[in-house]
Amino acid sequence: MLQAQNLTCVRDERMLFSDLSFTVSEGDIVQIEGANGAGKTSLLRILAGLSRAEQGDVLWQRQPIRKQRESWHQALLYLGHQPGVKAVLTARENLRFFHAAEPEEALWQALEEVDLVGYEEIAVAQLSAGQQRRVALARLWLSQAPLWILDEPLTAIDKSGVAKLMALFNRHADNGGAVILTTHQELPDAARSVRKIRLTAAEAE
């Protein structure tokens, strides 16, 4: 599905990693590891096409993503550090904005999965940071994109919520999708193994 080819990333005149290559196939769950400042978020942004690598290329279905922007973004769901939701809209309205074709019942079910029942009609600006994060995560239950790139999706999520997310990741992978994520948390045991890629100074292990 996805190929990273000889990626080199430089930020503020400091090389974070170089000559990084790996592939992500259907059914993969990949965790990007590394110390703070190793370049995990930078790598995810490069993979998502939001930043450019100093060198190297990212391929989707064997074609560079820079040459197929529209189809690439249709195939991708990216959730970054910021929730990426509209503060003036309610939780339900945010899901409707991003998933206009979904039936109303599906929106309510997604909000229930992230424990936002009772908060559906409250403007996102009035929700806590953790609740805003859960509004963004609710999109995962509605997404048809085959590849999910998720930066710290487990932040501010309780044990039950983490278990739900891991079950969802497994189901997505079982259905032929793939997940790339970062997290500072220890991942719970799951039926599907998680492949780990560790970033170290100017290289990857």
Protein backbone atom coordinates (compact mmCIF):
# COMPACT_ATOMS: atom_id res chain seq x y z
CA MET A 1 0.00 0.00 0.00
CA LEU A 2 2.54 2.57 1.22
CA GLN A 3 6.27 2.79 0.64
CA ALA A 4 8.71 5.15 2.33
CA GLN A 5 11.87 5.35 0.24
CA ASN A 6 15.12 6.69 1.68
CA LEU A 7 13.46 9.48 3.65
CA THR A 8 15.66 12.14 5.22
CA CYS A 9 14.14 14.76 7.51
CA VAL A 10 15.85 17.97 8.64
CA ARG A 11 14.19 20.42 11.02
CA ASP A 12 15.82 23.63 12.28
CA GLU A 13 19.12 22.56 10.70
CA ARG A 14 19.08 19.30 12.68
CA MET A 15 18.82 15.94 10.97
CA LEU A 16 16.11 13.88 12.65
CA PHE A 17 16.47 10.74 10.56
CA SER A 18 18.01 9.75 7.24
CA ASP A 19 17.72 6.99 4.62
CA LEU A 20 14.57 5.66 6.25
CA SER A 21 12.78 3.03 4.19
CA PHE A 22 9.87 0.75 5.01
CA THR A 23 6.64 -0.56 3.55
CA VAL A 24 3.14 -0.78 4.97
CA SER A 25 0.89 -3.46 3.53
CA GLU A 26 -2.77 -4.33 3.83
CA GLY A 27 -3.48 -5.65 7.31
CA ASP A 28 -0.51 -3.92 8.98
CA ILE A 29 -0.59 -1.99 12.24
CA VAL A 30 2.68 -0.06 12.54
CA GLN A 31 3.84 1.86 15.60
CA ILE A 32 6.48 4.55 15.12
CA GLU A 33 8.67 4.70 18.22
CA GLY A 34 11.40 7.05 19.37
CA ALA A 35 12.41 9.53 22.05
CA ASN A 36 10.92 13.01 22.13
CA GLY A 37 12.44 14.96 19.27
CA ALA A 38 13.29 11.86 17.23
CA GLY A 39 10.97 12.98 14.45
CA LYS A 40 7.86 10.84 14.93
CA THR A 41 5.38 13.62 14.20
CA SER A 42 7.57 14.91 11.36
CA LEU A 43 7.57 11.45 9.81
CA LEU A 44 3.79 11.14 10.02
CA ARG A 45 3.35 14.55 8.40
CA ILE A 46 5.69 13.54 5.58
CA LEU A 47 3.77 10.29 5.07
CA ALA A 48 0.50 12.23 5.01
CA GLY A 49 1.86 14.67 2.43
CA LEU A 50 1.65 17.65 4.78
CA SER A 51 5.43 18.18 4.85
CA ARG A 52 8.22 17.45 2.40
CA ALA A 53 11.19 15.28 3.18
CA GLU A 54 14.66 16.69 2.60
CA GLN A 55 15.31 13.64 0.45
CA GLY A 56 13.38 10.54 -0.51
CA ASP A 57 9.83 9.86 -1.55
CA VAL A 58 6.54 8.42 -0.32
CA LEU A 59 4.66 6.10 -2.66
CA TRP A 60 1.04 5.01 -2.54
CA GLN A 61 0.17 2.02 -4.71
CA ARG A 62 3.63 2.42 -6.29
CA GLN A 63 3.08 6.04 -7.35
CA PRO A 64 4.52 9.13 -5.58
CA ILE A 65 1.84 10.79 -3.45
CA ARG A 66 2.88 14.21 -4.79
CA LYS A 67 1.63 13.11 -8.23
CA GLN A 68 -1.78 11.92 -7.04
CA ARG A 69 -2.86 14.38 -4.37
CA GLU A 70 -6.60 13.97 -4.77
CA SER A 71 -6.72 10.18 -4.78
CA TRP A 72 -4.14 10.06 -1.99
CA HIS A 73 -6.19 12.23 0.34
CA GLN A 74 -9.27 10.16 -0.41
CA ALA A 75 -7.36 7.05 0.64
CA LEU A 76 -6.07 8.60 3.88
CA LEU A 77 -7.44 9.60 7.25
CA TYR A 78 -4.87 11.67 9.18
CA LEU A 79 -5.40 12.74 12.78
CA GLY A 80 -2.61 14.93 14.14
CA HIS A 81 -1.77 16.37 17.56
CA GLN A 82 -4.49 18.98 17.22
CA PRO A 83 -8.06 17.62 17.18
CA GLY A 84 -8.76 19.11 13.75
CA VAL A 85 -12.41 19.77 14.55
CA LYS A 86 -14.45 22.95 14.11
CA ALA A 87 -14.91 24.72 17.46
CA VAL A 88 -18.14 26.50 16.51
CA LEU A 89 -19.89 23.24 15.56
CA THR A 90 -21.26 20.63 17.92
CA ALA A 91 -19.79 17.15 18.14
CA ARG A 92 -22.54 15.77 15.93
CA GLU A 93 -22.25 18.64 13.45
CA ASN A 94 -18.52 18.00 13.14
CA LEU A 95 -19.14 14.39 12.17
CA ARG A 96 -21.83 15.48 9.72
CA PHE A 97 -19.39 18.00 8.18
CA PHE A 98 -16.72 15.33 7.57
CA HIS A 99 -19.09 12.46 6.73
CA ALA A 100 -22.01 14.07 4.95
CA ALA A 101 -23.29 10.85 3.39
CA GLU A 102 -23.54 8.88 6.64
CA PRO A 103 -26.99 8.23 8.12
CA GLU A 104 -27.81 10.02 11.36
CA GLU A 105 -27.82 6.73 13.25
CA ALA A 106 -24.18 6.09 12.29
CA LEU A 107 -23.13 9.49 13.67
CA TRP A 108 -24.81 8.80 17.00
CA GLN A 109 -23.26 5.33 17.16
CA ALA A 110 -19.78 6.77 16.55
CA LEU A 111 -20.25 9.32 19.34
CA GLU A 112 -21.42 6.55 21.65
CA GLU A 113 -18.27 4.55 20.89
CA VAL A 114 -16.14 7.43 22.22
CA ASP A 115 -18.35 8.05 25.27
CA LEU A 116 -19.77 11.37 24.12
CA VAL A 117 -23.42 10.52 24.69
CA GLY A 118 -24.95 13.59 26.31
CA TYR A 119 -22.42 15.93 24.68
CA GLU A 120 -23.63 15.61 21.08
CA GLU A 121 -25.21 19.04 20.83
CA ILE A 122 -22.60 21.02 22.77
CA ALA A 123 -20.28 23.28 20.78
CA VAL A 124 -16.83 21.74 20.62
CA ALA A 125 -15.33 24.97 22.00
CA GLN A 126 -17.09 24.24 25.29
CA LEU A 127 -15.74 20.68 25.57
CA SER A 128 -12.57 19.68 27.40
CA ALA A 129 -9.39 18.93 25.46
CA GLY A 130 -9.93 15.22 26.00
CA GLN A 131 -13.52 15.42 24.75
CA GLN A 132 -12.43 17.38 21.69
CA ARG A 133 -9.92 14.63 21.01
CA ARG A 134 -12.69 12.04 21.23
CA VAL A 135 -14.79 13.98 18.71
CA ALA A 136 -11.91 13.62 16.25
CA LEU A 137 -11.47 9.93 17.08
CA ALA A 138 -15.17 9.28 16.43
CA ARG A 139 -14.35 9.78 12.75
CA LEU A 140 -12.50 6.46 12.79
CA TRP A 141 -15.79 4.60 13.22
CA LEU A 142 -17.11 6.30 10.08
CA SER A 143 -14.02 6.32 7.87
CA GLN A 144 -13.86 4.35 4.64
CA ALA A 145 -10.21 5.34 4.04
CA PRO A 146 -7.91 2.31 3.79
CA LEU A 147 -4.95 3.99 5.52
CA TRP A 148 -5.11 5.68 8.91
CA ILE A 149 -2.17 7.81 10.10
CA LEU A 150 -2.68 8.73 13.75
CA ASP A 151 -0.45 10.89 15.93
CA GLU A 152 -0.91 9.96 19.62
CA PRO A 153 -4.50 8.72 19.27
CA LEU A 154 -4.48 7.22 22.78
CA THR A 155 -3.68 10.50 24.57
CA ALA A 156 -6.26 11.37 27.28
CA ILE A 157 -8.14 8.12 26.61
CA ASP A 158 -8.99 5.82 29.52
CA LYS A 159 -8.28 2.07 29.63
CA SER A 160 -11.71 1.16 28.27
CA GLY A 161 -11.36 3.65 25.43
CA VAL A 162 -7.91 2.32 24.53
CA ALA A 163 -9.30 -1.21 24.35
CA LYS A 164 -12.08 -0.01 22.02
CA LEU A 165 -9.57 1.73 19.77
CA MET A 166 -7.28 -1.28 19.59
CA ALA A 167 -10.25 -3.49 18.70
CA LEU A 168 -11.17 -1.01 15.97
CA PHE A 169 -7.59 -0.96 14.64
CA ASN A 170 -7.61 -4.77 14.51
CA ARG A 171 -10.95 -4.81 12.70
CA HIS A 172 -9.74 -2.21 10.20
CA ALA A 173 -6.61 -4.28 9.53
CA ASP A 174 -8.64 -7.50 9.25
CA ASN A 175 -10.72 -5.79 6.56
CA GLY A 176 -7.63 -4.99 4.50
CA GLY A 177 -6.82 -1.55 5.88
CA ALA A 178 -3.64 -0.37 7.59
CA VAL A 179 -2.83 1.81 10.59
CA ILE A 180 0.30 3.85 11.32
CA LEU A 181 0.40 5.43 14.76
CA THR A 182 2.56 6.96 17.44
CA THR A 183 1.90 6.66 21.16
CA HIS A 184 3.75 7.16 24.42
CA GLN A 185 1.59 4.51 26.02
CA GLU A 186 2.34 0.82 26.26
CA LEU A 187 -0.05 -0.85 23.84
CA PRO A 188 -2.26 -3.52 25.38
CA ASP A 189 -2.06 -7.11 24.20
CA ALA A 190 -4.01 -7.48 21.00
CA ALA A 191 -4.93 -10.34 18.71
CA ARG A 192 -3.02 -8.75 15.85
CA SER A 193 0.69 -8.07 16.28
CA VAL A 194 1.94 -4.50 16.00
CA ARG A 195 5.06 -3.92 13.93
CA LYS A 196 7.39 -1.35 15.45
CA ILE A 197 9.71 1.06 13.67
CA ARG A 198 12.05 2.92 16.00
CA LEU A 199 13.55 6.27 15.07
CA THR A 200 16.97 7.07 16.44
CA ALA A 201 19.40 9.88 15.71
CA ALA A 202 19.69 10.20 11.91
CA GLU A 203 18.64 6.59 11.33
CA ALA A 204 15.88 4.10 11.90
CA GLU A 205 16.07 0.66 13.44
